[in-house]
Amino acid sequence: MEELVTVARFNEPIEAEMARGRLQSAGIEVFLSGENAAILEPGLGPLRLQVAAGDASDAQAILDDAGAELAEATEAVVIKPTDLP
């Protein structure tokens, strides 16, 4: 079995799940370390998203790209009263 490498840490389980889903949809096998402990004791520690060492660079690139997309999607939109119909 290939060594596992931590590619991201999350304090929020939903963020970890979203990242895991993104990597899985790209065909990368993912292990979420601390998942069971977080269920039993929320706030116990960060969840670690781990992949095989050979997939680490691809996984990191996917996660970095997701961060850029998320940042773009959450940029503030300012609507001026003069813009309304």
C-alpha atoms as a PDB file:
ATOM      1  CA  MET A   1       0.000   0.000   0.000  1.00  0.00           C
ATOM      2  CA  GLU A   2       1.249   3.457  -0.925  1.00  0.00           C
ATOM      3  CA  GLU A   3       1.949   6.011   1.804  1.00  0.00           C
ATOM      4  CA  LEU A   4      -0.863   8.467   2.572  1.00  0.00           C
ATOM      5  CA  VAL A   5      -0.145  12.189   2.440  1.00  0.00           C
ATOM      6  CA  THR A   6      -2.246  14.915   4.059  1.00  0.00           C
ATOM      7  CA  VAL A   7      -3.205  17.463   1.398  1.00  0.00           C
ATOM      8  CA  ALA A   8      -5.606  19.589   3.489  1.00  0.00           C
ATOM      9  CA  ARG A   9      -6.921  20.100   7.011  1.00  0.00           C
ATOM     10  CA  PHE A  10     -10.445  21.212   7.865  1.00  0.00           C
ATOM     11  CA  ASN A  11     -12.137  22.294  11.075  1.00  0.00           C
ATOM     12  CA  GLU A  12     -15.585  22.152   9.467  1.00  0.00           C
ATOM     13  CA  PRO A  13     -16.838  18.687   8.453  1.00  0.00           C
ATOM     14  CA  ILE A  14     -18.935  20.059   5.573  1.00  0.00           C
ATOM     15  CA  GLU A  15     -15.852  21.668   3.999  1.00  0.00           C
ATOM     16  CA  ALA A  16     -13.965  18.380   4.331  1.00  0.00           C
ATOM     17  CA  GLU A  17     -16.849  16.505   2.691  1.00  0.00           C
ATOM     18  CA  MET A  18     -16.975  18.951  -0.199  1.00  0.00           C
ATOM     19  CA  ALA A  19     -13.236  18.613  -0.788  1.00  0.00           C
ATOM     20  CA  ARG A  20     -13.447  14.821  -0.545  1.00  0.00           C
ATOM     21  CA  GLY A  21     -16.263  14.763  -3.102  1.00  0.00           C
ATOM     22  CA  ARG A  22     -14.306  16.962  -5.479  1.00  0.00           C
ATOM     23  CA  LEU A  23     -11.282  14.657  -5.335  1.00  0.00           C
ATOM     24  CA  GLN A  24     -13.387  11.510  -5.627  1.00  0.00           C
ATOM     25  CA  SER A  25     -15.145  12.905  -8.696  1.00  0.00           C
ATOM     26  CA  ALA A  26     -11.678  13.330 -10.241  1.00  0.00           C
ATOM     27  CA  GLY A  27     -10.976   9.637  -9.611  1.00  0.00           C
ATOM     28  CA  ILE A  28      -8.658  10.144  -6.634  1.00  0.00           C
ATOM     29  CA  GLU A  29      -9.077   7.801  -3.679  1.00  0.00           C
ATOM     30  CA  VAL A  30      -9.436   9.828  -0.489  1.00  0.00           C
ATOM     31  CA  PHE A  31      -9.226   9.049   3.212  1.00  0.00           C
ATOM     32  CA  LEU A  32     -10.629  11.500   5.758  1.00  0.00           C
ATOM     33  CA  SER A  33      -8.634  11.027   8.937  1.00  0.00           C
ATOM     34  CA  GLY A  34     -10.450  11.983  12.135  1.00  0.00           C
ATOM     35  CA  GLU A  35     -13.903  11.600  10.618  1.00  0.00           C
ATOM     36  CA  ASN A  36     -15.156   9.109  13.204  1.00  0.00           C
ATOM     37  CA  ALA A  37     -13.659  11.068  16.109  1.00  0.00           C
ATOM     38  CA  ALA A  38     -15.387  14.234  14.863  1.00  0.00           C
ATOM     39  CA  ILE A  39     -18.734  12.412  14.903  1.00  0.00           C
ATOM     40  CA  LEU A  40     -18.213  11.258  18.477  1.00  0.00           C
ATOM     41  CA  GLU A  41     -16.678  14.483  19.774  1.00  0.00           C
ATOM     42  CA  PRO A  42     -17.205  17.578  17.579  1.00  0.00           C
ATOM     43  CA  GLY A  43     -14.347  20.040  17.774  1.00  0.00           C
ATOM     44  CA  LEU A  44     -11.850  17.342  18.749  1.00  0.00           C
ATOM     45  CA  GLY A  45      -9.390  18.417  16.107  1.00  0.00           C
ATOM     46  CA  PRO A  46      -8.967  19.107  12.430  1.00  0.00           C
ATOM     47  CA  LEU A  47     -10.033  16.563   9.851  1.00  0.00           C
ATOM     48  CA  ARG A  48      -7.148  15.557   7.592  1.00  0.00           C
ATOM     49  CA  LEU A  49      -7.828  14.880   3.924  1.00  0.00           C
ATOM     50  CA  GLN A  50      -5.332  12.246   2.807  1.00  0.00           C
ATOM     51  CA  VAL A  51      -4.468  10.713  -0.561  1.00  0.00           C
ATOM     52  CA  ALA A  52      -1.835   8.326  -1.879  1.00  0.00           C
ATOM     53  CA  ALA A  53       1.558  10.022  -2.226  1.00  0.00           C
ATOM     54  CA  GLY A  54       1.421   9.576  -6.015  1.00  0.00           C
ATOM     55  CA  ASP A  55      -1.857  11.521  -6.193  1.00  0.00           C
ATOM     56  CA  ALA A  56      -0.805  14.341  -3.862  1.00  0.00           C
ATOM     57  CA  SER A  57       0.204  16.902  -6.498  1.00  0.00           C
ATOM     58  CA  ASP A  58      -2.955  16.325  -8.573  1.00  0.00           C
ATOM     59  CA  ALA A  59      -5.124  16.479  -5.446  1.00  0.00           C
ATOM     60  CA  GLN A  60      -3.479  19.710  -4.320  1.00  0.00           C
ATOM     61  CA  ALA A  61      -3.989  21.275  -7.745  1.00  0.00           C
ATOM     62  CA  ILE A  62      -7.683  20.322  -7.690  1.00  0.00           C
ATOM     63  CA  LEU A  63      -8.153  21.716  -4.189  1.00  0.00           C
ATOM     64  CA  ASP A  64      -6.291  24.928  -5.050  1.00  0.00           C
ATOM     65  CA  ASP A  65      -8.455  25.370  -8.146  1.00  0.00           C
ATOM     66  CA  ALA A  66     -11.594  24.835  -6.062  1.00  0.00           C
ATOM     67  CA  GLY A  67     -10.445  27.580  -3.703  1.00  0.00           C
ATOM     68  CA  ALA A  68     -10.096  30.038  -6.572  1.00  0.00           C
ATOM     69  CA  GLU A  69     -13.544  29.141  -7.907  1.00  0.00           C
ATOM     70  CA  LEU A  70     -15.067  29.483  -4.457  1.00  0.00           C
ATOM     71  CA  ALA A  71     -13.435  32.869  -3.938  1.00  0.00           C
ATOM     72  CA  GLU A  72     -14.824  34.081  -7.268  1.00  0.00           C
ATOM     73  CA  ALA A  73     -18.277  32.730  -6.466  1.00  0.00           C
ATOM     74  CA  THR A  74     -18.408  34.476  -3.104  1.00  0.00           C
ATOM     75  CA  GLU A  75     -17.205  37.912  -4.180  1.00  0.00           C
ATOM     76  CA  ALA A  76     -19.520  40.619  -2.973  1.00  0.00           C
ATOM     77  CA  VAL A  77     -22.004  41.976  -5.469  1.00  0.00           C
ATOM     78  CA  VAL A  78     -22.991  45.571  -4.949  1.00  0.00           C
ATOM     79  CA  ILE A  79     -26.349  46.654  -6.322  1.00  0.00           C
ATOM     80  CA  LYS A  80     -26.989  50.351  -6.402  1.00  0.00           C
ATOM     81  CA  PRO A  81     -30.531  51.657  -6.194  1.00  0.00           C
ATOM     82  CA  THR A  82     -30.013  53.171  -9.625  1.00  0.00           C
ATOM     83  CA  ASP A  83     -29.381  49.666 -11.024  1.00  0.00           C
ATOM     84  CA  LEU A  84     -32.843  48.439 -10.048  1.00  0.00           C
ATOM     85  CA  PRO A  85     -35.684  48.550 -12.568  1.00  0.00           C
END
